[in-house]
PDB file of all heavy atoms in Angstrom:
ATOM      1  N   ASP A   1       6.651  13.217  11.214  1.00  0.00           N
ATOM      2  CA  ASP A   1       6.572  12.007  10.387  1.00  0.00           C
ATOM      3  C   ASP A   1       5.614  10.975  11.006  1.00  0.00           C
ATOM      4  O   ASP A   1       5.316   9.977  10.350  1.00  0.00           O
ATOM      5  CB  ASP A   1       7.944  11.375  10.212  1.00  0.00           C
ATOM      6  CG  ASP A   1       8.910  12.282   9.475  1.00  0.00           C
ATOM      7  OD1 ASP A   1       8.500  12.983   8.544  1.00  0.00           O
ATOM      8  OD2 ASP A   1      10.111  12.277   9.840  1.00  0.00           O
ATOM      9  N   THR A   2       5.196  11.209  12.229  1.00  0.00           N
ATOM     10  CA  THR A   2       4.283  10.284  12.887  1.00  0.00           C
ATOM     11  C   THR A   2       3.018  10.092  12.071  1.00  0.00           C
ATOM     12  O   THR A   2       2.319  11.078  11.764  1.00  0.00           O
ATOM     13  CB  THR A   2       3.949  10.758  14.301  1.00  0.00           C
ATOM     14  OG1 THR A   2       5.135  10.759  15.087  1.00  0.00           O
ATOM     15  CG2 THR A   2       2.913   9.868  14.949  1.00  0.00           C
ATOM     16  N   ALA A   3       2.714   8.873  11.719  1.00  0.00           N
ATOM     17  CA  ALA A   3       1.584   8.576  10.859  1.00  0.00           C
ATOM     18  C   ALA A   3       1.433   7.074  10.713  1.00  0.00           C
ATOM     19  O   ALA A   3       2.337   6.300  11.069  1.00  0.00           O
ATOM     20  CB  ALA A   3       1.776   9.193   9.461  1.00  0.00           C
ATOM     21  N   VAL A   4       0.294   6.664  10.140  1.00  0.00           N
ATOM     22  CA  VAL A   4       0.170   5.325   9.630  1.00  0.00           C
ATOM     23  C   VAL A   4       0.683   5.348   8.200  1.00  0.00           C
ATOM     24  O   VAL A   4       0.274   6.201   7.394  1.00  0.00           O
ATOM     25  CB  VAL A   4      -1.277   4.824   9.684  1.00  0.00           C
ATOM     26  CG1 VAL A   4      -1.386   3.430   9.063  1.00  0.00           C
ATOM     27  CG2 VAL A   4      -1.772   4.800  11.120  1.00  0.00           C
ATOM     28  N   TYR A   5       1.577   4.428   7.884  1.00  0.00           N
ATOM     29  CA  TYR A   5       2.141   4.357   6.541  1.00  0.00           C
ATOM     30  C   TYR A   5       1.547   3.179   5.778  1.00  0.00           C
ATOM     31  O   TYR A   5       1.536   2.060   6.284  1.00  0.00           O
ATOM     32  CB  TYR A   5       3.670   4.230   6.632  1.00  0.00           C
ATOM     33  CG  TYR A   5       4.339   5.543   6.962  1.00  0.00           C
ATOM     34  CD1 TYR A   5       4.294   6.043   8.270  1.00  0.00           C
ATOM     35  CD2 TYR A   5       4.969   6.295   5.987  1.00  0.00           C
ATOM     36  CE1 TYR A   5       4.872   7.253   8.580  1.00  0.00           C
ATOM     37  CE2 TYR A   5       5.557   7.513   6.306  1.00  0.00           C
ATOM     38  CZ  TYR A   5       5.499   7.993   7.589  1.00  0.00           C
ATOM     39  OH  TYR A   5       6.068   9.199   7.885  1.00  0.00           O
ATOM     40  N   TYR A   6       1.051   3.459   4.596  1.00  0.00           N
ATOM     41  CA  TYR A   6       0.397   2.474   3.756  1.00  0.00           C
ATOM     42  C   TYR A   6       1.179   2.224   2.497  1.00  0.00           C
ATOM     43  O   TYR A   6       1.704   3.147   1.875  1.00  0.00           O
ATOM     44  CB  TYR A   6      -1.018   2.926   3.352  1.00  0.00           C
ATOM     45  CG  TYR A   6      -1.967   3.121   4.509  1.00  0.00           C
ATOM     46  CD1 TYR A   6      -2.066   4.331   5.168  1.00  0.00           C
ATOM     47  CD2 TYR A   6      -2.785   2.068   4.937  1.00  0.00           C
ATOM     48  CE1 TYR A   6      -2.951   4.526   6.218  1.00  0.00           C
ATOM     49  CE2 TYR A   6      -3.668   2.250   5.993  1.00  0.00           C
ATOM     50  CZ  TYR A   6      -3.735   3.466   6.652  1.00  0.00           C
ATOM     51  OH  TYR A   6      -4.624   3.649   7.668  1.00  0.00           O
ATOM     52  N   CYS A   7       1.223   0.964   2.108  1.00  0.00           N
ATOM     53  CA  CYS A   7       1.831   0.567   0.843  1.00  0.00           C
ATOM     54  C   CYS A   7       0.752   0.461  -0.230  1.00  0.00           C
ATOM     55  O   CYS A   7      -0.371  -0.002   0.035  1.00  0.00           O
ATOM     56  CB  CYS A   7       2.534  -0.773   1.028  1.00  0.00           C
ATOM     57  SG  CYS A   7       3.359  -1.390  -0.433  1.00  0.00           S
ATOM     58  N   ASN A   8       1.081   0.880  -1.435  1.00  0.00           N
ATOM     59  CA  ASN A   8       0.173   0.762  -2.572  1.00  0.00           C
ATOM     60  C   ASN A   8       0.956   0.215  -3.749  1.00  0.00           C
ATOM     61  O   ASN A   8       2.121   0.544  -3.949  1.00  0.00           O
ATOM     62  CB  ASN A   8      -0.416   2.141  -2.910  1.00  0.00           C
ATOM     63  CG  ASN A   8      -1.245   2.147  -4.173  1.00  0.00           C
ATOM     64  OD1 ASN A   8      -0.745   2.397  -5.269  1.00  0.00           O
ATOM     65  ND2 ASN A   8      -2.516   1.842  -4.029  1.00  0.00           N
ATOM     66  N   ALA A   9       0.266  -0.580  -4.561  1.00  0.00           N
ATOM     67  CA  ALA A   9       0.885  -1.102  -5.767  1.00  0.00           C
ATOM     68  C   ALA A   9      -0.150  -1.162  -6.870  1.00  0.00           C
ATOM     69  O   ALA A   9      -1.349  -1.414  -6.606  1.00  0.00           O
ATOM     70  CB  ALA A   9       1.473  -2.487  -5.536  1.00  0.00           C
ATOM     71  N   TYR A  10       0.291  -0.919  -8.073  1.00  0.00           N
ATOM     72  CA  TYR A  10      -0.574  -1.111  -9.228  1.00  0.00           C
ATOM     73  C   TYR A  10       0.207  -1.777 -10.331  1.00  0.00           C
ATOM     74  O   TYR A  10       1.436  -1.636 -10.427  1.00  0.00           O
ATOM     75  CB  TYR A  10      -1.280   0.153  -9.683  1.00  0.00           C
ATOM     76  CG  TYR A  10      -0.402   1.182 -10.352  1.00  0.00           C
ATOM     77  CD1 TYR A  10      -0.203   1.165 -11.733  1.00  0.00           C
ATOM     78  CD2 TYR A  10       0.143   2.230  -9.635  1.00  0.00           C
ATOM     79  CE1 TYR A  10       0.570   2.146 -12.369  1.00  0.00           C
ATOM     80  CE2 TYR A  10       0.931   3.184 -10.246  1.00  0.00           C
ATOM     81  CZ  TYR A  10       1.136   3.144 -11.597  1.00  0.00           C
ATOM     82  OH  TYR A  10       1.903   4.117 -12.229  1.00  0.00           O
ATOM     83  N   GLY A  11      -0.527  -2.473 -11.166  1.00  0.00           N
ATOM     84  CA  GLY A  11       0.115  -3.170 -12.267  1.00  0.00           C
ATOM     85  C   GLY A  11      -0.890  -4.010 -13.039  1.00  0.00           C
ATOM     86  O   GLY A  11      -2.066  -3.641 -13.137  1.00  0.00           O
ATOM     87  N   ILE A  12      -0.421  -5.130 -13.550  1.00  0.00           N
ATOM     88  CA  ILE A  12      -1.220  -6.054 -14.328  1.00  0.00           C
ATOM     89  C   ILE A  12      -1.280  -7.378 -13.623  1.00  0.00           C
ATOM     90  O   ILE A  12      -0.236  -7.924 -13.236  1.00  0.00           O
ATOM     91  CB  ILE A  12      -0.676  -6.225 -15.753  1.00  0.00           C
ATOM     92  CG1 ILE A  12      -0.497  -4.872 -16.441  1.00  0.00           C
ATOM     93  CG2 ILE A  12      -1.573  -7.130 -16.577  1.00  0.00           C
ATOM     94  CD1 ILE A  12      -1.807  -4.111 -16.627  1.00  0.00           C
ATOM     95  N   ASN A  13      -2.463  -7.931 -13.446  1.00  0.00           N
ATOM     96  CA  ASN A  13      -2.597  -9.224 -12.776  1.00  0.00           C
ATOM     97  C   ASN A  13      -2.483 -10.376 -13.754  1.00  0.00           C
ATOM     98  O   ASN A  13      -2.279 -10.188 -14.980  1.00  0.00           O
ATOM     99  CB  ASN A  13      -3.877  -9.277 -11.939  1.00  0.00           C
ATOM    100  CG  ASN A  13      -5.142  -9.293 -12.794  1.00  0.00           C
ATOM    101  OD1 ASN A  13      -5.149  -9.530 -13.975  1.00  0.00           O
ATOM    102  ND2 ASN A  13      -6.272  -9.019 -12.115  1.00  0.00           N
ATOM    103  N   SER A  14      -2.654 -11.593 -13.239  1.00  0.00           N
ATOM    104  CA  SER A  14      -2.469 -12.778 -14.049  1.00  0.00           C
ATOM    105  C   SER A  14      -3.552 -12.963 -15.113  1.00  0.00           C
ATOM    106  O   SER A  14      -3.375 -13.802 -16.009  1.00  0.00           O
ATOM    107  CB  SER A  14      -2.385 -14.023 -13.162  1.00  0.00           C
ATOM    108  OG  SER A  14      -3.592 -14.169 -12.416  1.00  0.00           O
ATOM    109  N   LEU A  15      -4.635 -12.224 -15.019  1.00  0.00           N
ATOM    110  CA  LEU A  15      -5.683 -12.232 -16.039  1.00  0.00           C
ATOM    111  C   LEU A  15      -5.499 -11.090 -17.035  1.00  0.00           C
ATOM    112  O   LEU A  15      -6.419 -10.780 -17.789  1.00  0.00           O
ATOM    113  CB  LEU A  15      -7.058 -12.143 -15.356  1.00  0.00           C
ATOM    114  CG  LEU A  15      -7.431 -13.304 -14.448  1.00  0.00           C
ATOM    115  CD1 LEU A  15      -8.777 -13.053 -13.803  1.00  0.00           C
ATOM    116  CD2 LEU A  15      -7.423 -14.614 -15.217  1.00  0.00           C
ATOM    117  N   SER A  16      -4.336 -10.485 -17.015  1.00  0.00           N
ATOM    118  CA  SER A  16      -3.993  -9.372 -17.899  1.00  0.00           C
ATOM    119  C   SER A  16      -4.912  -8.170 -17.694  1.00  0.00           C
ATOM    120  O   SER A  16      -5.201  -7.425 -18.614  1.00  0.00           O
ATOM    121  CB  SER A  16      -4.031  -9.808 -19.354  1.00  0.00           C
ATOM    122  OG  SER A  16      -3.078 -10.836 -19.604  1.00  0.00           O
ATOM    123  N   ARG A  17      -5.328  -7.979 -16.451  1.00  0.00           N
ATOM    124  CA  ARG A  17      -6.163  -6.829 -16.078  1.00  0.00           C
ATOM    125  C   ARG A  17      -5.437  -5.952 -15.091  1.00  0.00           C
ATOM    126  O   ARG A  17      -4.657  -6.444 -14.278  1.00  0.00           O
ATOM    127  CB  ARG A  17      -7.488  -7.293 -15.478  1.00  0.00           C
ATOM    128  CG  ARG A  17      -8.368  -8.063 -16.466  1.00  0.00           C
ATOM    129  CD  ARG A  17      -9.686  -8.436 -15.827  1.00  0.00           C
ATOM    130  NE  ARG A  17     -10.529  -9.153 -16.754  1.00  0.00           N
ATOM    131  CZ  ARG A  17     -11.382  -8.573 -17.619  1.00  0.00           C
ATOM    132  NH1 ARG A  17     -11.476  -7.239 -17.643  1.00  0.00           N
ATOM    133  NH2 ARG A  17     -12.109  -9.320 -18.401  1.00  0.00           N
ATOM    134  N   PRO A  18      -5.687  -4.663 -15.137  1.00  0.00           N
ATOM    135  CA  PRO A  18      -5.011  -3.762 -14.184  1.00  0.00           C
ATOM    136  C   PRO A  18      -5.519  -3.986 -12.764  1.00  0.00           C
ATOM    137  O   PRO A  18      -6.677  -4.346 -12.541  1.00  0.00           O
ATOM    138  CB  PRO A  18      -5.377  -2.364 -14.684  1.00  0.00           C
ATOM    139  CG  PRO A  18      -6.671  -2.568 -15.427  1.00  0.00           C
ATOM    140  CD  PRO A  18      -6.555  -3.916 -16.063  1.00  0.00           C
ATOM    141  N   PHE A  19      -4.643  -3.779 -11.801  1.00  0.00           N
ATOM    142  CA  PHE A  19      -5.015  -3.843 -10.391  1.00  0.00           C
ATOM    143  C   PHE A  19      -4.385  -2.684  -9.647  1.00  0.00           C
ATOM    144  O   PHE A  19      -3.401  -2.107 -10.079  1.00  0.00           O
ATOM    145  CB  PHE A  19      -4.557  -5.181  -9.748  1.00  0.00           C
ATOM    146  CG  PHE A  19      -3.065  -5.251  -9.528  1.00  0.00           C
ATOM    147  CD1 PHE A  19      -2.496  -4.777  -8.366  1.00  0.00           C
ATOM    148  CD2 PHE A  19      -2.246  -5.846 -10.478  1.00  0.00           C
ATOM    149  CE1 PHE A  19      -1.133  -4.854  -8.159  1.00  0.00           C
ATOM    150  CE2 PHE A  19      -0.879  -5.927 -10.271  1.00  0.00           C
ATOM    151  CZ  PHE A  19      -0.316  -5.423  -9.107  1.00  0.00           C
ATOM    152  N   ARG A  20      -5.005  -2.348  -8.531  1.00  0.00           N
ATOM    153  CA  ARG A  20      -4.454  -1.408  -7.573  1.00  0.00           C
ATOM    154  C   ARG A  20      -4.845  -1.948  -6.185  1.00  0.00           C
ATOM    155  O   ARG A  20      -6.017  -2.184  -5.904  1.00  0.00           O
ATOM    156  CB  ARG A  20      -4.992   0.003  -7.764  1.00  0.00           C
ATOM    157  CG  ARG A  20      -4.398   1.025  -6.832  1.00  0.00           C
ATOM    158  CD  ARG A  20      -4.967   2.415  -7.058  1.00  0.00           C
ATOM    159  NE  ARG A  20      -4.692   2.910  -8.400  1.00  0.00           N
ATOM    160  CZ  ARG A  20      -3.578   3.580  -8.715  1.00  0.00           C
ATOM    161  NH1 ARG A  20      -2.640   3.823  -7.813  1.00  0.00           N
ATOM    162  NH2 ARG A  20      -3.407   4.013  -9.974  1.00  0.00           N
ATOM    163  N   SER A  21      -3.836  -2.123  -5.341  1.00  0.00           N
ATOM    164  CA  SER A  21      -4.046  -2.727  -4.039  1.00  0.00           C
ATOM    165  C   SER A  21      -3.403  -1.901  -2.945  1.00  0.00           C
ATOM    166  O   SER A  21      -2.397  -1.216  -3.192  1.00  0.00           O
ATOM    167  CB  SER A  21      -3.510  -4.187  -4.000  1.00  0.00           C
ATOM    168  OG  SER A  21      -4.193  -5.010  -4.918  1.00  0.00           O
ATOM    169  N   TRP A  22      -3.954  -2.006  -1.768  1.00  0.00           N
ATOM    170  CA  TRP A  22      -3.474  -1.312  -0.579  1.00  0.00           C
ATOM    171  C   TRP A  22      -3.136  -2.318   0.531  1.00  0.00           C
ATOM    172  O   TRP A  22      -3.828  -3.336   0.669  1.00  0.00           O
ATOM    173  CB  TRP A  22      -4.528  -0.352  -0.012  1.00  0.00           C
ATOM    174  CG  TRP A  22      -4.784   0.845  -0.860  1.00  0.00           C
ATOM    175  CD1 TRP A  22      -5.733   0.963  -1.845  1.00  0.00           C
ATOM    176  CD2 TRP A  22      -4.093   2.086  -0.810  1.00  0.00           C
ATOM    177  NE1 TRP A  22      -5.667   2.211  -2.407  1.00  0.00           N
ATOM    178  CE2 TRP A  22      -4.677   2.937  -1.777  1.00  0.00           C
ATOM    179  CE3 TRP A  22      -3.060   2.595  -0.011  1.00  0.00           C
ATOM    180  CZ2 TRP A  22      -4.261   4.233  -1.983  1.00  0.00           C
ATOM    181  CZ3 TRP A  22      -2.633   3.884  -0.212  1.00  0.00           C
ATOM    182  CH2 TRP A  22      -3.236   4.698  -1.190  1.00  0.00           C
ATOM    183  N   GLY A  23      -2.127  -1.990   1.304  1.00  0.00           N
ATOM    184  CA  GLY A  23      -1.847  -2.726   2.515  1.00  0.00           C
ATOM    185  C   GLY A  23      -2.696  -2.192   3.643  1.00  0.00           C
ATOM    186  O   GLY A  23      -3.450  -1.230   3.511  1.00  0.00           O
ATOM    187  N   GLN A  24      -2.573  -2.847   4.810  1.00  0.00           N
ATOM    188  CA  GLN A  24      -3.348  -2.458   5.978  1.00  0.00           C
ATOM    189  C   GLN A  24      -2.747  -1.313   6.756  1.00  0.00           C
ATOM    190  O   GLN A  24      -3.411  -0.706   7.582  1.00  0.00           O
ATOM    191  CB  GLN A  24      -3.551  -3.671   6.892  1.00  0.00           C
ATOM    192  CG  GLN A  24      -4.440  -4.754   6.311  1.00  0.00           C
ATOM    193  CD  GLN A  24      -5.838  -4.269   6.100  1.00  0.00           C
ATOM    194  OE1 GLN A  24      -6.287  -4.083   4.955  1.00  0.00           O
ATOM    195  NE2 GLN A  24      -6.569  -4.028   7.168  1.00  0.00           N
ATOM    196  N   GLY A  25      -1.491  -1.020   6.534  1.00  0.00           N
ATOM    197  CA  GLY A  25      -0.812   0.079   7.178  1.00  0.00           C
ATOM    198  C   GLY A  25       0.055  -0.387   8.326  1.00  0.00           C
ATOM    199  O   GLY A  25      -0.210  -1.407   8.959  1.00  0.00           O
ATOM    200  N   THR A  26       1.062   0.411   8.626  1.00  0.00           N
ATOM    201  CA  THR A  26       1.926   0.184   9.768  1.00  0.00           C
ATOM    202  C   THR A  26       2.179   1.526  10.455  1.00  0.00           C
ATOM    203  O   THR A  26       2.417   2.528   9.801  1.00  0.00           O
ATOM    204  CB  THR A  26       3.254  -0.483   9.337  1.00  0.00           C
ATOM    205  OG1 THR A  26       4.056  -0.779  10.496  1.00  0.00           O
ATOM    206  CG2 THR A  26       4.063   0.371   8.397  1.00  0.00           C
ATOM    207  N   GLN A  27       2.105   1.522  11.781  1.00  0.00           N
ATOM    208  CA  GLN A  27       2.223   2.759  12.554  1.00  0.00           C
ATOM    209  C   GLN A  27       3.669   3.132  12.741  1.00  0.00           C
ATOM    210  O   GLN A  27       4.493   2.325  13.160  1.00  0.00           O
ATOM    211  CB  GLN A  27       1.540   2.595  13.905  1.00  0.00           C
ATOM    212  CG  GLN A  27       1.686   3.792  14.834  1.00  0.00           C
ATOM    213  CD  GLN A  27       0.866   4.981  14.376  1.00  0.00           C
ATOM    214  OE1 GLN A  27      -0.304   4.827  14.064  1.00  0.00           O
ATOM    215  NE2 GLN A  27       1.498   6.149  14.334  1.00  0.00           N
ATOM    216  N   VAL A  28       3.972   4.394  12.492  1.00  0.00           N
ATOM    217  CA  VAL A  28       5.269   4.979  12.795  1.00  0.00           C
ATOM    218  C   VAL A  28       5.062   6.121  13.780  1.00  0.00           C
ATOM    219  O   VAL A  28       4.282   7.055  13.484  1.00  0.00           O
ATOM    220  CB  VAL A  28       5.990   5.507  11.536  1.00  0.00           C
ATOM    221  CG1 VAL A  28       7.251   6.295  11.911  1.00  0.00           C
ATOM    222  CG2 VAL A  28       6.360   4.342  10.614  1.00  0.00           C
ATOM    223  N   THR A  29       5.722   6.070  14.906  1.00  0.00           N
ATOM    224  CA  THR A  29       5.612   7.104  15.929  1.00  0.00           C
ATOM    225  C   THR A  29       6.995   7.639  16.229  1.00  0.00           C
ATOM    226  O   THR A  29       7.910   6.873  16.564  1.00  0.00           O
ATOM    227  CB  THR A  29       4.951   6.583  17.189  1.00  0.00           C
ATOM    228  OG1 THR A  29       3.656   6.054  16.897  1.00  0.00           O
ATOM    229  CG2 THR A  29       4.816   7.696  18.225  1.00  0.00           C
ATOM    230  N   VAL A  30       7.167   8.927  16.129  1.00  0.00           N
ATOM    231  CA  VAL A  30       8.453   9.586  16.359  1.00  0.00           C
ATOM    232  C   VAL A  30       8.328  10.506  17.558  1.00  0.00           C
ATOM    233  O   VAL A  30       7.497  11.443  17.547  1.00  0.00           O
ATOM    234  CB  VAL A  30       8.949  10.367  15.143  1.00  0.00           C
ATOM    235  CG1 VAL A  30      10.320  10.950  15.408  1.00  0.00           C
ATOM    236  CG2 VAL A  30       8.962   9.467  13.914  1.00  0.00           C
ATOM    237  N   SER A  31       9.105  10.259  18.566  1.00  0.00           N
ATOM    238  CA  SER A  31       9.072  11.064  19.793  1.00  0.00           C
ATOM    239  C   SER A  31      10.133  12.165  19.704  1.00  0.00           C
ATOM    240  O   SER A  31      11.193  12.001  19.091  1.00  0.00           O
ATOM    241  CB  SER A  31       9.311  10.201  21.026  1.00  0.00           C
ATOM    242  OG  SER A  31      10.582   9.561  20.981  1.00  0.00           O
TER     243      SER A  31
END
């Protein structure tokens, strides 16, 4: 499971247009 984990979201913005955005990621390390 060790990886960088990224969040993604898509939807409609305040201008009634579609969006898709990514986070910067967070590291998960499993020993």
